[in-house]
């Protein structure tokens, strides 16, 4: 199983914002869409960062409420690890676990084409294990 299979099931929609978007607006978009992160892109659509609910909470704890008027670039992660559609679920699980993040933008030929979360990866891994178990049961029953 690979990233393309995840995107085929969940879709390719990604909520994005620009670096100048205020943290308040980012928080509102997170709530509106019921999502955990927003990918930050430049005018050309290139990924320049990613911001999560956790990032905003940490800035609030550090600075207080006035930070919500600041642009997202003050707390976004700027060195974003991305993946490609051909990447395996095992690779994503390894990267997400090793680097302790929960969302990974999918980029093909320099363009953002999707977003995969750890929940998507776990869901696909469980489906894969269930298919393997069913195949094994079928093999035993007919073998």
C-alpha atoms as a PDB file:
ATOM      1  CA  UNK A   1       0.000   0.000   0.000  1.00  0.00           C
ATOM      2  CA  UNK A   2       1.155   3.503  -0.774  1.00  0.00           C
ATOM      3  CA  UNK A   3       0.174   7.161  -0.436  1.00  0.00           C
ATOM      4  CA  UNK A   4      -1.764   7.116  -3.720  1.00  0.00           C
ATOM      5  CA  UNK A   5      -4.091   4.463  -2.243  1.00  0.00           C
ATOM      6  CA  UNK A   6      -4.768   6.668   0.796  1.00  0.00           C
ATOM      7  CA  UNK A   7      -5.528   9.699  -1.374  1.00  0.00           C
ATOM      8  CA  UNK A   8      -7.823   7.624  -3.577  1.00  0.00           C
ATOM      9  CA  UNK A   9      -9.933   6.793  -0.505  1.00  0.00           C
ATOM     10  CA  UNK A  10      -9.847  10.090   1.385  1.00  0.00           C
ATOM     11  CA  UNK A  11      -9.565  12.608  -1.424  1.00  0.00           C
ATOM     12  CA  UNK A  12      -7.021  15.267  -2.271  1.00  0.00           C
ATOM     13  CA  UNK A  13      -8.530  18.370  -0.676  1.00  0.00           C
ATOM     14  CA  UNK A  14      -6.047  20.357   1.424  1.00  0.00           C
ATOM     15  CA  UNK A  15      -6.831  23.510   3.368  1.00  0.00           C
ATOM     16  CA  UNK A  16      -4.065  26.047   2.730  1.00  0.00           C
ATOM     17  CA  UNK A  17      -3.205  29.585   3.795  1.00  0.00           C
ATOM     18  CA  UNK A  18      -0.504  32.164   3.108  1.00  0.00           C
ATOM     19  CA  UNK A  19       2.277  33.140   5.517  1.00  0.00           C
ATOM     20  CA  UNK A  20       0.596  36.457   6.281  1.00  0.00           C
ATOM     21  CA  UNK A  21      -2.634  34.874   7.555  1.00  0.00           C
ATOM     22  CA  UNK A  22      -3.219  35.680  11.230  1.00  0.00           C
ATOM     23  CA  UNK A  23      -3.151  32.912  13.820  1.00  0.00           C
ATOM     24  CA  UNK A  24      -6.722  33.838  14.718  1.00  0.00           C
ATOM     25  CA  UNK A  25      -7.857  33.181  11.146  1.00  0.00           C
ATOM     26  CA  UNK A  26      -5.852  29.937  11.084  1.00  0.00           C
ATOM     27  CA  UNK A  27      -7.565  28.813  14.304  1.00  0.00           C
ATOM     28  CA  UNK A  28     -10.969  29.705  12.847  1.00  0.00           C
ATOM     29  CA  UNK A  29     -10.245  27.665   9.694  1.00  0.00           C
ATOM     30  CA  UNK A  30      -9.094  24.699  11.773  1.00  0.00           C
ATOM     31  CA  UNK A  31     -12.365  24.789  13.687  1.00  0.00           C
ATOM     32  CA  UNK A  32     -14.519  25.410  10.627  1.00  0.00           C
ATOM     33  CA  UNK A  33     -13.063  22.460   8.723  1.00  0.00           C
ATOM     34  CA  UNK A  34     -12.591  20.260  11.816  1.00  0.00           C
ATOM     35  CA  UNK A  35      -8.970  19.569  10.927  1.00  0.00           C
ATOM     36  CA  UNK A  36      -5.685  19.444  12.820  1.00  0.00           C
ATOM     37  CA  UNK A  37      -3.372  21.399  10.525  1.00  0.00           C
ATOM     38  CA  UNK A  38      -3.159  23.801   7.620  1.00  0.00           C
ATOM     39  CA  UNK A  39      -0.478  23.771   4.937  1.00  0.00           C
ATOM     40  CA  UNK A  40       1.106  27.166   4.309  1.00  0.00           C
ATOM     41  CA  UNK A  41       1.835  27.955   0.654  1.00  0.00           C
ATOM     42  CA  UNK A  42       3.338  30.840  -1.291  1.00  0.00           C
ATOM     43  CA  UNK A  43       1.692  32.611  -4.243  1.00  0.00           C
ATOM     44  CA  UNK A  44       2.928  29.869  -6.583  1.00  0.00           C
ATOM     45  CA  UNK A  45       1.362  27.119  -4.475  1.00  0.00           C
ATOM     46  CA  UNK A  46       4.706  25.871  -3.131  1.00  0.00           C
ATOM     47  CA  UNK A  47       4.690  24.479   0.412  1.00  0.00           C
ATOM     48  CA  UNK A  48       6.492  26.914   2.724  1.00  0.00           C
ATOM     49  CA  UNK A  49       5.283  25.624   6.078  1.00  0.00           C
ATOM     50  CA  UNK A  50       2.695  23.771   8.107  1.00  0.00           C
ATOM     51  CA  UNK A  51       0.867  24.802  11.274  1.00  0.00           C
ATOM     52  CA  UNK A  52      -1.046  22.586  13.669  1.00  0.00           C
ATOM     53  CA  UNK A  53      -3.359  23.119  16.604  1.00  0.00           C
ATOM     54  CA  UNK A  54      -0.422  22.244  18.864  1.00  0.00           C
ATOM     55  CA  UNK A  55       1.730  24.975  17.333  1.00  0.00           C
ATOM     56  CA  UNK A  56      -0.926  27.581  18.103  1.00  0.00           C
ATOM     57  CA  UNK A  57      -1.465  26.339  21.664  1.00  0.00           C
ATOM     58  CA  UNK A  58       2.282  26.469  22.352  1.00  0.00           C
ATOM     59  CA  UNK A  59       2.478  30.083  21.116  1.00  0.00           C
ATOM     60  CA  UNK A  60      -0.552  31.020  23.214  1.00  0.00           C
ATOM     61  CA  UNK A  61       1.097  29.509  26.287  1.00  0.00           C
ATOM     62  CA  UNK A  62       4.380  31.280  25.538  1.00  0.00           C
ATOM     63  CA  UNK A  63       3.106  34.757  24.620  1.00  0.00           C
ATOM     64  CA  UNK A  64      -0.588  34.939  25.445  1.00  0.00           C
ATOM     65  CA  UNK A  65      -3.675  36.063  23.548  1.00  0.00           C
ATOM     66  CA  UNK A  66      -2.010  38.939  21.616  1.00  0.00           C
ATOM     67  CA  UNK A  67      -0.146  36.337  19.522  1.00  0.00           C
ATOM     68  CA  UNK A  68      -3.413  35.531  17.744  1.00  0.00           C
ATOM     69  CA  UNK A  69      -3.041  38.757  15.744  1.00  0.00           C
ATOM     70  CA  UNK A  70       0.430  37.742  14.531  1.00  0.00           C
ATOM     71  CA  UNK A  71       0.983  36.113  11.126  1.00  0.00           C
ATOM     72  CA  UNK A  72       1.149  32.320  11.020  1.00  0.00           C
ATOM     73  CA  UNK A  73       4.799  32.434  10.016  1.00  0.00           C
ATOM     74  CA  UNK A  74       5.712  33.202  13.653  1.00  0.00           C
ATOM     75  CA  UNK A  75       4.899  29.667  14.758  1.00  0.00           C
ATOM     76  CA  UNK A  76       4.621  27.473  11.669  1.00  0.00           C
ATOM     77  CA  UNK A  77       7.073  24.668  10.987  1.00  0.00           C
ATOM     78  CA  UNK A  78       9.190  25.922   8.115  1.00  0.00           C
ATOM     79  CA  UNK A  79      11.153  22.800   7.210  1.00  0.00           C
ATOM     80  CA  UNK A  80       8.292  20.565   6.132  1.00  0.00           C
ATOM     81  CA  UNK A  81       8.882  16.913   5.425  1.00  0.00           C
ATOM     82  CA  UNK A  82       6.814  15.868   2.420  1.00  0.00           C
ATOM     83  CA  UNK A  83       6.083  12.585   0.684  1.00  0.00           C
ATOM     84  CA  UNK A  84       5.181  11.394  -2.797  1.00  0.00           C
ATOM     85  CA  UNK A  85       2.271   9.272  -3.967  1.00  0.00           C
ATOM     86  CA  UNK A  86       4.592   6.300  -4.578  1.00  0.00           C
ATOM     87  CA  UNK A  87       5.883   6.304  -0.977  1.00  0.00           C
ATOM     88  CA  UNK A  88       4.858   3.338   1.129  1.00  0.00           C
ATOM     89  CA  UNK A  89       2.752   3.454   4.255  1.00  0.00           C
ATOM     90  CA  UNK A  90       5.664   1.900   6.155  1.00  0.00           C
ATOM     91  CA  UNK A  91       7.915   4.811   5.153  1.00  0.00           C
ATOM     92  CA  UNK A  92       5.337   7.349   6.343  1.00  0.00           C
ATOM     93  CA  UNK A  93       4.828   5.532   9.645  1.00  0.00           C
ATOM     94  CA  UNK A  94       8.581   5.508  10.189  1.00  0.00           C
ATOM     95  CA  UNK A  95       9.045   9.203   9.390  1.00  0.00           C
ATOM     96  CA  UNK A  96       6.032  10.332  11.429  1.00  0.00           C
ATOM     97  CA  UNK A  97       7.145   8.277  14.418  1.00  0.00           C
ATOM     98  CA  UNK A  98      10.823   9.235  14.232  1.00  0.00           C
ATOM     99  CA  UNK A  99      10.187  12.969  13.803  1.00  0.00           C
ATOM    100  CA  UNK A 100       7.040  13.144  15.963  1.00  0.00           C
ATOM    101  CA  UNK A 101       4.570  14.809  13.603  1.00  0.00           C
ATOM    102  CA  UNK A 102       1.096  13.773  12.530  1.00  0.00           C
ATOM    103  CA  UNK A 103       0.578  15.325   9.084  1.00  0.00           C
ATOM    104  CA  UNK A 104       2.588  15.068   5.878  1.00  0.00           C
ATOM    105  CA  UNK A 105       1.870  17.020   2.679  1.00  0.00           C
ATOM    106  CA  UNK A 106       1.984  15.020  -0.545  1.00  0.00           C
ATOM    107  CA  UNK A 107       3.960  16.799  -3.267  1.00  0.00           C
ATOM    108  CA  UNK A 108       4.370  15.702  -6.883  1.00  0.00           C
ATOM    109  CA  UNK A 109       6.470  17.683  -9.370  1.00  0.00           C
ATOM    110  CA  UNK A 110       6.632  20.577  -6.922  1.00  0.00           C
ATOM    111  CA  UNK A 111       2.842  20.801  -6.504  1.00  0.00           C
ATOM    112  CA  UNK A 112       0.793  20.065  -3.392  1.00  0.00           C
ATOM    113  CA  UNK A 113      -1.574  17.205  -4.301  1.00  0.00           C
ATOM    114  CA  UNK A 114      -2.811  15.999  -0.913  1.00  0.00           C
ATOM    115  CA  UNK A 115      -2.237  15.607   2.805  1.00  0.00           C
ATOM    116  CA  UNK A 116      -1.868  12.405   4.810  1.00  0.00           C
ATOM    117  CA  UNK A 117      -2.374  12.146   8.573  1.00  0.00           C
ATOM    118  CA  UNK A 118      -1.201   9.460  10.972  1.00  0.00           C
ATOM    119  CA  UNK A 119      -4.877   8.496  11.295  1.00  0.00           C
ATOM    120  CA  UNK A 120      -5.047   7.868   7.538  1.00  0.00           C
ATOM    121  CA  UNK A 121      -1.905   5.720   7.731  1.00  0.00           C
ATOM    122  CA  UNK A 122      -3.172   3.669  10.683  1.00  0.00           C
ATOM    123  CA  UNK A 123      -6.586   3.201   9.041  1.00  0.00           C
ATOM    124  CA  UNK A 124      -4.929   1.921   5.846  1.00  0.00           C
ATOM    125  CA  UNK A 125      -2.566  -0.337   7.813  1.00  0.00           C
ATOM    126  CA  UNK A 126      -5.526  -1.895   9.665  1.00  0.00           C
ATOM    127  CA  UNK A 127      -7.377  -2.453   6.377  1.00  0.00           C
ATOM    128  CA  UNK A 128      -4.257  -4.084   4.950  1.00  0.00           C
ATOM    129  CA  UNK A 129      -3.944  -6.405   7.981  1.00  0.00           C
ATOM    130  CA  UNK A 130      -7.631  -7.356   7.726  1.00  0.00           C
ATOM    131  CA  UNK A 131      -7.230  -8.195   4.019  1.00  0.00           C
ATOM    132  CA  UNK A 132      -4.188 -10.353   4.778  1.00  0.00           C
ATOM    133  CA  UNK A 133      -6.076 -12.179   7.552  1.00  0.00           C
ATOM    134  CA  UNK A 134      -9.064 -12.792   5.255  1.00  0.00           C
ATOM    135  CA  UNK A 135      -6.766 -14.109   2.519  1.00  0.00           C
ATOM    136  CA  UNK A 136      -5.071 -16.419   5.023  1.00  0.00           C
ATOM    137  CA  UNK A 137      -8.441 -17.741   6.265  1.00  0.00           C
ATOM    138  CA  UNK A 138      -9.540 -18.339   2.677  1.00  0.00           C
ATOM    139  CA  UNK A 139      -6.284 -20.147   1.895  1.00  0.00           C
ATOM    140  CA  UNK A 140      -6.640 -22.390   4.950  1.00  0.00           C
ATOM    141  CA  UNK A 141     -10.314 -23.112   4.240  1.00  0.00           C
ATOM    142  CA  UNK A 142      -9.729 -24.069   0.591  1.00  0.00           C
ATOM    143  CA  UNK A 143      -6.200 -25.513   0.914  1.00  0.00           C
END
